[in-house]
């Protein structure tokens, strides 16, 4: 990761460095290469800044071989995020989490577009868990897919979204698809 805004992430070490801090309001993160997390400890990006938006853009890259077994709540490739999340594929991930978790975004506040989960397995010991979004607080979802993956939790579980935050208004889901899950 470089120290300018936006953060441009080119490898596993850069992604881990970005996850070690809270992304400040108005900052963005973009992937500039595919990233293999095999054998690495990655604990999710975090940017919960209710006053300002952040942007995550995977730039159509693939993050593969991520394993997380810490059982934390609010876990995902992205944990808390205010702003758009787009253009990311997570492939071959294994997650063992608490609740309000997802492979892509645990607690998003914003639009999610063109995000995909492929060959992933998630088990949670609480509720509000999905493959794309765990607790979808606000925003819409477009062209997201879950393929050949599985998810188990104690309630509020879905292949695309686990739970919708009912206090955040209406959301739309367009062009989203689940296959082989």
Protein backbone atom coordinates (compact mmCIF):
# COMPACT_ATOMS: atom_id res chain seq x y z
CA UNK A 1 0.00 0.00 0.00
CA UNK A 2 1.28 3.50 -0.66
CA UNK A 3 0.74 6.39 1.75
CA UNK A 4 -1.26 8.57 -0.64
CA UNK A 5 -4.99 8.77 -1.05
CA UNK A 6 -6.26 6.62 -2.67
CA UNK A 7 -4.49 3.62 -1.20
CA UNK A 8 -3.37 1.46 -4.13
CA UNK A 9 -2.91 -2.16 -3.07
CA UNK A 10 -0.74 -4.46 -5.19
CA UNK A 11 -0.04 -7.48 -2.94
CA UNK A 12 -0.97 -9.36 0.24
CA UNK A 13 1.42 -7.34 2.39
CA UNK A 14 -0.15 -4.07 1.23
CA UNK A 15 -3.65 -5.38 1.91
CA UNK A 16 -2.62 -6.50 5.40
CA UNK A 17 -1.04 -3.08 6.06
CA UNK A 18 -4.26 -1.33 4.97
CA UNK A 19 -6.30 -3.59 7.24
CA UNK A 20 -4.15 -2.67 10.25
CA UNK A 21 -5.58 0.86 10.23
CA UNK A 22 -8.99 2.48 10.08
CA UNK A 23 -9.40 4.15 6.70
CA UNK A 24 -10.30 7.78 7.35
CA UNK A 25 -13.30 9.58 5.88
CA UNK A 26 -13.06 10.52 2.22
CA UNK A 27 -10.24 8.04 1.53
CA UNK A 28 -10.39 5.19 -0.94
CA UNK A 29 -8.77 1.82 -1.49
CA UNK A 30 -8.21 0.23 -4.90
CA UNK A 31 -6.63 -3.06 -5.90
CA UNK A 32 -4.11 -2.89 -8.73
CA UNK A 33 -3.44 -6.65 -8.99
CA UNK A 34 -4.89 -10.03 -8.04
CA UNK A 35 -3.98 -10.93 -4.45
CA UNK A 36 -3.32 -14.40 -3.03
CA UNK A 37 -3.78 -14.55 0.76
CA UNK A 38 -2.67 -18.19 1.20
CA UNK A 39 -0.80 -18.47 4.49
CA UNK A 40 -1.38 -14.79 5.37
CA UNK A 41 -3.29 -13.25 8.29
CA UNK A 42 -5.82 -10.76 6.94
CA UNK A 43 -8.48 -9.28 9.24
CA UNK A 44 -10.60 -7.13 6.91
CA UNK A 45 -10.63 -3.46 5.89
CA UNK A 46 -12.41 -1.03 8.20
CA UNK A 47 -13.70 2.46 7.36
CA UNK A 48 -16.67 3.37 9.49
CA UNK A 49 -16.97 7.14 9.13
CA UNK A 50 -20.66 8.08 9.17
CA UNK A 51 -20.08 11.68 8.06
CA UNK A 52 -18.11 10.94 4.88
CA UNK A 53 -17.95 8.37 2.13
CA UNK A 54 -15.12 6.06 1.26
CA UNK A 55 -14.74 4.03 -1.92
CA UNK A 56 -13.42 0.51 -2.36
CA UNK A 57 -12.72 -0.50 -5.97
CA UNK A 58 -11.34 -3.97 -6.63
CA UNK A 59 -10.84 -2.96 -10.27
CA UNK A 60 -12.09 -6.42 -11.31
CA UNK A 61 -9.25 -8.19 -9.47
CA UNK A 62 -9.50 -11.47 -7.55
CA UNK A 63 -8.57 -12.01 -3.92
CA UNK A 64 -8.04 -15.73 -3.35
CA UNK A 65 -7.26 -18.27 -0.64
CA UNK A 66 -8.28 -16.17 2.36
CA UNK A 67 -8.77 -18.08 5.61
CA UNK A 68 -10.14 -16.42 8.74
CA UNK A 69 -10.93 -18.47 11.86
CA UNK A 70 -10.95 -15.83 14.63
CA UNK A 71 -14.73 -15.97 15.24
CA UNK A 72 -15.01 -12.17 15.51
CA UNK A 73 -18.28 -10.33 14.85
CA UNK A 74 -18.46 -7.80 11.99
CA UNK A 75 -15.94 -9.73 9.89
CA UNK A 76 -15.54 -9.70 6.14
CA UNK A 77 -13.10 -8.75 3.44
CA UNK A 78 -14.51 -5.33 4.32
CA UNK A 79 -15.84 -4.98 7.87
CA UNK A 80 -17.63 -1.64 8.30
CA UNK A 81 -17.78 0.66 5.28
CA UNK A 82 -19.63 3.86 4.42
CA UNK A 83 -19.64 4.36 0.65
CA UNK A 84 -19.52 2.25 -2.51
CA UNK A 85 -17.89 -1.17 -2.78
CA UNK A 86 -17.36 -2.40 -6.32
CA UNK A 87 -15.59 -4.66 -8.79
CA UNK A 88 -14.25 -7.40 -6.50
CA UNK A 89 -14.18 -11.20 -6.64
CA UNK A 90 -13.27 -13.26 -3.57
CA UNK A 91 -12.45 -16.85 -4.46
CA UNK A 92 -11.67 -19.90 -2.32
CA UNK A 93 -12.19 -18.27 1.09
CA UNK A 94 -12.93 -20.08 4.35
CA UNK A 95 -14.38 -17.99 7.19
CA UNK A 96 -15.31 -18.96 10.75
CA UNK A 97 -16.87 -15.86 12.30
CA UNK A 98 -19.18 -14.55 14.97
CA UNK A 99 -22.11 -12.62 13.49
CA UNK A 100 -22.94 -9.69 11.22
CA UNK A 101 -20.38 -11.09 8.82
CA UNK A 102 -19.93 -11.73 5.10
CA UNK A 103 -17.26 -12.76 2.66
CA UNK A 104 -17.44 -9.37 0.89
CA UNK A 105 -18.83 -6.77 3.36
CA UNK A 106 -19.95 -7.37 6.95
CA UNK A 107 -21.78 -4.08 7.59
CA UNK A 108 -21.97 -1.95 4.45
CA UNK A 109 -23.56 1.50 4.31
CA UNK A 110 -23.61 2.14 0.57
CA UNK A 111 -24.00 0.63 -2.86
CA UNK A 112 -22.38 -2.69 -3.72
CA UNK A 113 -21.82 -3.41 -7.40
CA UNK A 114 -20.13 -6.12 -9.44
CA UNK A 115 -18.93 -8.14 -6.42
CA UNK A 116 -18.64 -11.92 -6.58
CA UNK A 117 -18.05 -14.83 -4.20
CA UNK A 118 -16.79 -18.09 -5.75
CA UNK A 119 -15.99 -21.41 -4.02
CA UNK A 120 -16.22 -19.95 -0.50
CA UNK A 121 -17.33 -21.51 2.78
CA UNK A 122 -18.56 -19.46 5.71
CA UNK A 123 -19.70 -20.64 9.13
CA UNK A 124 -20.88 -18.20 11.78
CA UNK A 125 -22.03 -18.76 15.35
CA UNK A 126 -24.42 -15.81 15.37
CA UNK A 127 -26.85 -14.06 12.97
CA UNK A 128 -26.89 -11.53 10.07
CA UNK A 129 -24.54 -13.38 7.76
CA UNK A 130 -24.42 -13.41 3.98
CA UNK A 131 -21.93 -14.13 1.25
CA UNK A 132 -22.05 -10.61 -0.23
CA UNK A 133 -23.40 -8.53 2.73
CA UNK A 134 -23.98 -9.51 6.36
CA UNK A 135 -26.11 -6.69 7.77
CA UNK A 136 -26.91 -4.51 4.76
CA UNK A 137 -27.50 -1.15 6.43
CA UNK A 138 -28.12 1.08 3.43
CA UNK A 139 -27.50 1.31 -0.29
CA UNK A 140 -28.44 -0.85 -3.25
CA UNK A 141 -26.87 -3.93 -4.80
CA UNK A 142 -26.30 -4.55 -8.50
CA UNK A 143 -24.75 -7.39 -10.54
CA UNK A 144 -23.43 -9.38 -7.58
CA UNK A 145 -23.16 -13.18 -7.57
CA UNK A 146 -22.56 -16.08 -5.21
CA UNK A 147 -21.35 -19.25 -6.95
CA UNK A 148 -20.52 -22.74 -5.63
CA UNK A 149 -20.33 -21.50 -2.03
CA UNK A 150 -21.92 -22.33 1.33
CA UNK A 151 -22.96 -20.39 4.41
CA UNK A 152 -24.27 -21.46 7.81
CA UNK A 153 -25.29 -19.31 10.79
CA UNK A 154 -27.88 -19.32 13.57
CA UNK A 155 -30.31 -16.95 11.83
CA UNK A 156 -30.68 -14.14 9.34
CA UNK A 157 -28.63 -16.03 6.76
CA UNK A 158 -28.64 -15.56 2.99
CA UNK A 159 -26.48 -16.23 -0.01
CA UNK A 160 -26.59 -12.57 -1.09
CA UNK A 161 -27.56 -10.69 2.12
CA UNK A 162 -28.11 -11.95 5.65
CA UNK A 163 -30.24 -9.16 7.14
CA UNK A 164 -31.57 -5.80 5.93
CA UNK A 165 -31.45 -3.01 8.49
CA UNK A 166 -35.12 -2.04 8.46
CA UNK A 167 -34.45 1.48 9.76
CA UNK A 168 -32.44 2.43 6.68
CA UNK A 169 -35.19 2.60 4.08
CA UNK A 170 -35.76 0.75 0.85
CA UNK A 171 -33.02 -1.04 -1.04
CA UNK A 172 -33.00 -2.55 -4.52
CA UNK A 173 -31.24 -5.66 -5.75
CA UNK A 174 -30.74 -5.78 -9.50
CA UNK A 175 -29.04 -8.49 -11.55
CA UNK A 176 -27.91 -10.49 -8.49
CA UNK A 177 -27.67 -14.26 -8.86
CA UNK A 178 -26.99 -17.35 -6.74
CA UNK A 179 -25.71 -20.54 -8.44
CA UNK A 180 -24.68 -23.86 -6.87
CA UNK A 181 -24.89 -22.66 -3.28
